[in-house]
Each structure stands twice: as structure tokens, then as C-alpha cells.
Amino acid sequence: MDTRKTDHHNKFLVGKIWNNQNISGRYDNIEGLNGATVRPNEGVYFAVTGDADGYHHTDLK
């Protein structure tokens, strides 16, 4: 993240990892996957989904 730019604050990525078990095309509470690693294309930071299937990255460029 380039902190010399004025728009460097509040950049983050959030999401859920899930397996569409019932092929509905929509997320259902039972379909979340915990323990999955989420890694951006660039950089060294990563996140691992938690018990609620979610992840977040806060150090984005």
C-alpha cells in the first residue's frame, strides 16, 4: 500500500469461501468452508477463513 497517496486509507477485501452443495447458486449457512487460505496475486500477506467461513485482507495496494 502506498501511503504517499491520499487515498491509501480504508482499502480492504472481505469475502466468504463456500461450496455450493445444493447447486442453488446462492450461499446457504451450511456451505461455508473454514480453514481455507486466501492469498492475493501479489504480496506476502494472506488470510485463512475462520469458523464463520469469512476472511479479510487489510494490506492492499
N, C-alpha and C. Protein backbone atom coordinates (compact mmCIF):
# COMPACT_ATOMS: atom_id res chain seq x y z
N MET A 1 0.85 -1.16 0.00
CA MET A 1 0.00 0.00 0.00
C MET A 1 0.90 1.23 0.00
N ASP A 2 0.66 2.13 -0.89
CA ASP A 2 1.46 3.35 -1.00
C ASP A 2 0.83 4.43 -0.13
N THR A 3 1.42 4.70 1.02
CA THR A 3 0.84 5.69 1.94
C THR A 3 1.15 7.12 1.53
N ARG A 4 1.89 7.30 0.44
CA ARG A 4 2.12 8.66 -0.08
C ARG A 4 0.90 9.17 -0.81
N LYS A 5 0.03 8.29 -1.24
CA LYS A 5 -1.18 8.70 -1.94
C LYS A 5 -2.26 9.05 -0.92
N THR A 6 -3.10 9.99 -1.26
CA THR A 6 -4.12 10.44 -0.31
C THR A 6 -5.26 9.44 -0.14
N ASP A 7 -5.38 8.49 -1.03
CA ASP A 7 -6.49 7.53 -0.94
C ASP A 7 -6.05 6.17 -0.41
N HIS A 8 -5.01 6.13 0.41
CA HIS A 8 -4.48 4.84 0.87
C HIS A 8 -5.24 4.26 2.06
N HIS A 9 -6.14 5.00 2.68
CA HIS A 9 -6.86 4.52 3.86
C HIS A 9 -8.08 3.69 3.47
N ASN A 10 -8.44 2.80 4.36
CA ASN A 10 -9.68 2.03 4.25
C ASN A 10 -9.78 1.15 3.00
N LYS A 11 -8.68 0.59 2.58
CA LYS A 11 -8.72 -0.38 1.48
C LYS A 11 -8.66 -1.76 2.09
N PHE A 12 -9.67 -2.56 1.80
CA PHE A 12 -9.70 -3.91 2.34
C PHE A 12 -10.54 -4.80 1.45
N LEU A 13 -10.36 -6.07 1.62
CA LEU A 13 -11.07 -7.08 0.84
C LEU A 13 -11.68 -8.07 1.83
N VAL A 14 -12.96 -8.36 1.68
CA VAL A 14 -13.62 -9.32 2.55
C VAL A 14 -14.39 -10.31 1.69
N GLY A 15 -14.65 -11.47 2.21
CA GLY A 15 -15.42 -12.44 1.45
C GLY A 15 -15.65 -13.72 2.23
N LYS A 16 -16.28 -14.66 1.58
CA LYS A 16 -16.56 -15.98 2.13
C LYS A 16 -16.11 -17.02 1.12
N ILE A 17 -15.68 -18.15 1.63
CA ILE A 17 -15.35 -19.30 0.79
C ILE A 17 -16.43 -20.34 1.05
N TRP A 18 -17.05 -20.82 0.00
CA TRP A 18 -18.13 -21.78 0.19
C TRP A 18 -18.23 -22.74 -0.97
N ASN A 19 -18.85 -23.88 -0.70
CA ASN A 19 -19.08 -24.93 -1.69
C ASN A 19 -20.59 -25.03 -1.88
N ASN A 20 -21.06 -24.74 -3.07
CA ASN A 20 -22.49 -24.72 -3.36
C ASN A 20 -23.04 -26.15 -3.45
N GLN A 21 -23.19 -26.78 -2.28
CA GLN A 21 -23.56 -28.19 -2.20
C GLN A 21 -24.90 -28.52 -2.83
N ASN A 22 -25.87 -27.63 -2.71
CA ASN A 22 -27.20 -27.92 -3.25
C ASN A 22 -27.42 -27.31 -4.64
N ILE A 23 -26.37 -26.77 -5.23
CA ILE A 23 -26.38 -26.23 -6.59
C ILE A 23 -27.47 -25.17 -6.78
N SER A 24 -27.70 -24.36 -5.74
CA SER A 24 -28.72 -23.32 -5.83
C SER A 24 -28.16 -22.03 -6.42
N GLY A 25 -26.83 -21.90 -6.45
CA GLY A 25 -26.23 -20.66 -6.92
C GLY A 25 -26.21 -19.58 -5.86
N ARG A 26 -26.65 -19.92 -4.65
CA ARG A 26 -26.70 -18.98 -3.55
C ARG A 26 -26.04 -19.60 -2.32
N TYR A 27 -25.49 -18.73 -1.48
CA TYR A 27 -24.83 -19.19 -0.25
C TYR A 27 -25.87 -19.58 0.80
N ASP A 28 -25.72 -20.75 1.37
CA ASP A 28 -26.52 -21.21 2.50
C ASP A 28 -25.59 -21.40 3.69
N ASN A 29 -26.08 -21.21 4.90
CA ASN A 29 -25.24 -21.26 6.10
C ASN A 29 -24.42 -22.54 6.25
N ILE A 30 -24.88 -23.64 5.74
CA ILE A 30 -24.16 -24.91 5.90
C ILE A 30 -23.05 -25.11 4.86
N GLU A 31 -22.88 -24.18 3.92
CA GLU A 31 -21.96 -24.39 2.79
C GLU A 31 -20.59 -23.75 2.97
N GLY A 32 -20.36 -23.04 4.07
CA GLY A 32 -19.09 -22.35 4.26
C GLY A 32 -17.93 -23.30 4.50
N LEU A 33 -16.75 -22.90 4.04
CA LEU A 33 -15.53 -23.69 4.22
C LEU A 33 -14.58 -22.94 5.14
N ASN A 34 -14.28 -23.49 6.30
CA ASN A 34 -13.30 -22.84 7.17
C ASN A 34 -11.94 -23.49 6.97
N GLY A 35 -10.90 -22.76 7.30
CA GLY A 35 -9.54 -23.26 7.16
C GLY A 35 -8.95 -23.12 5.76
N ALA A 36 -9.65 -22.41 4.87
CA ALA A 36 -9.14 -22.19 3.50
C ALA A 36 -8.20 -20.98 3.50
N THR A 37 -7.09 -21.08 2.79
CA THR A 37 -6.15 -19.97 2.68
C THR A 37 -6.50 -19.11 1.47
N VAL A 38 -6.55 -17.81 1.69
CA VAL A 38 -6.84 -16.84 0.62
C VAL A 38 -5.60 -15.98 0.47
N ARG A 39 -5.02 -15.98 -0.74
CA ARG A 39 -3.77 -15.28 -0.99
C ARG A 39 -3.93 -14.41 -2.23
N PRO A 40 -3.64 -13.10 -2.13
CA PRO A 40 -3.71 -12.24 -3.32
C PRO A 40 -2.63 -12.61 -4.34
N ASN A 41 -2.77 -12.14 -5.56
CA ASN A 41 -1.79 -12.42 -6.61
C ASN A 41 -0.43 -11.82 -6.30
N GLU A 42 -0.41 -10.70 -5.57
CA GLU A 42 0.84 -10.03 -5.24
C GLU A 42 0.94 -9.87 -3.74
N GLY A 43 2.18 -9.81 -3.24
CA GLY A 43 2.40 -9.57 -1.83
C GLY A 43 2.59 -10.84 -1.04
N VAL A 44 2.90 -10.67 0.25
CA VAL A 44 3.19 -11.81 1.10
C VAL A 44 2.08 -12.09 2.11
N TYR A 45 1.09 -11.22 2.18
CA TYR A 45 0.04 -11.39 3.17
C TYR A 45 -1.00 -12.38 2.70
N PHE A 46 -1.63 -13.04 3.64
CA PHE A 46 -2.69 -13.99 3.32
C PHE A 46 -3.68 -14.03 4.47
N ALA A 47 -4.82 -14.64 4.25
CA ALA A 47 -5.82 -14.81 5.30
C ALA A 47 -6.29 -16.25 5.26
N VAL A 48 -6.76 -16.73 6.38
CA VAL A 48 -7.33 -18.08 6.48
C VAL A 48 -8.74 -17.93 6.98
N THR A 49 -9.68 -18.58 6.31
CA THR A 49 -11.08 -18.45 6.72
C THR A 49 -11.26 -19.03 8.11
N GLY A 50 -12.13 -18.40 8.86
CA GLY A 50 -12.39 -18.82 10.23
C GLY A 50 -13.64 -19.68 10.34
N ASP A 51 -14.11 -19.84 11.56
CA ASP A 51 -15.29 -20.68 11.82
C ASP A 51 -16.53 -20.19 11.09
N ALA A 52 -16.60 -18.90 10.81
CA ALA A 52 -17.75 -18.34 10.10
C ALA A 52 -17.50 -18.24 8.60
N ASP A 53 -16.47 -18.90 8.09
CA ASP A 53 -16.14 -19.01 6.65
C ASP A 53 -15.59 -17.72 6.05
N GLY A 54 -15.49 -16.66 6.79
CA GLY A 54 -15.08 -15.39 6.22
C GLY A 54 -13.59 -15.15 6.30
N TYR A 55 -13.14 -14.15 5.53
CA TYR A 55 -11.74 -13.73 5.55
C TYR A 55 -11.71 -12.24 5.29
N HIS A 56 -10.57 -11.62 5.60
CA HIS A 56 -10.37 -10.22 5.25
C HIS A 56 -8.89 -9.95 5.07
N HIS A 57 -8.60 -9.10 4.10
CA HIS A 57 -7.26 -8.59 3.84
C HIS A 57 -7.32 -7.10 4.08
N THR A 58 -6.35 -6.57 4.82
CA THR A 58 -6.36 -5.14 5.07
C THR A 58 -5.15 -4.42 4.47
N ASP A 59 -4.17 -5.14 3.98
CA ASP A 59 -2.96 -4.50 3.44
C ASP A 59 -2.97 -4.61 1.91
N LEU A 60 -3.87 -3.88 1.28
CA LEU A 60 -3.99 -3.93 -0.17
C LEU A 60 -3.30 -2.75 -0.81
N LYS A 61 -2.78 -2.98 -2.01
CA LYS A 61 -2.11 -1.89 -2.75
C LYS A 61 -3.12 -1.10 -3.53
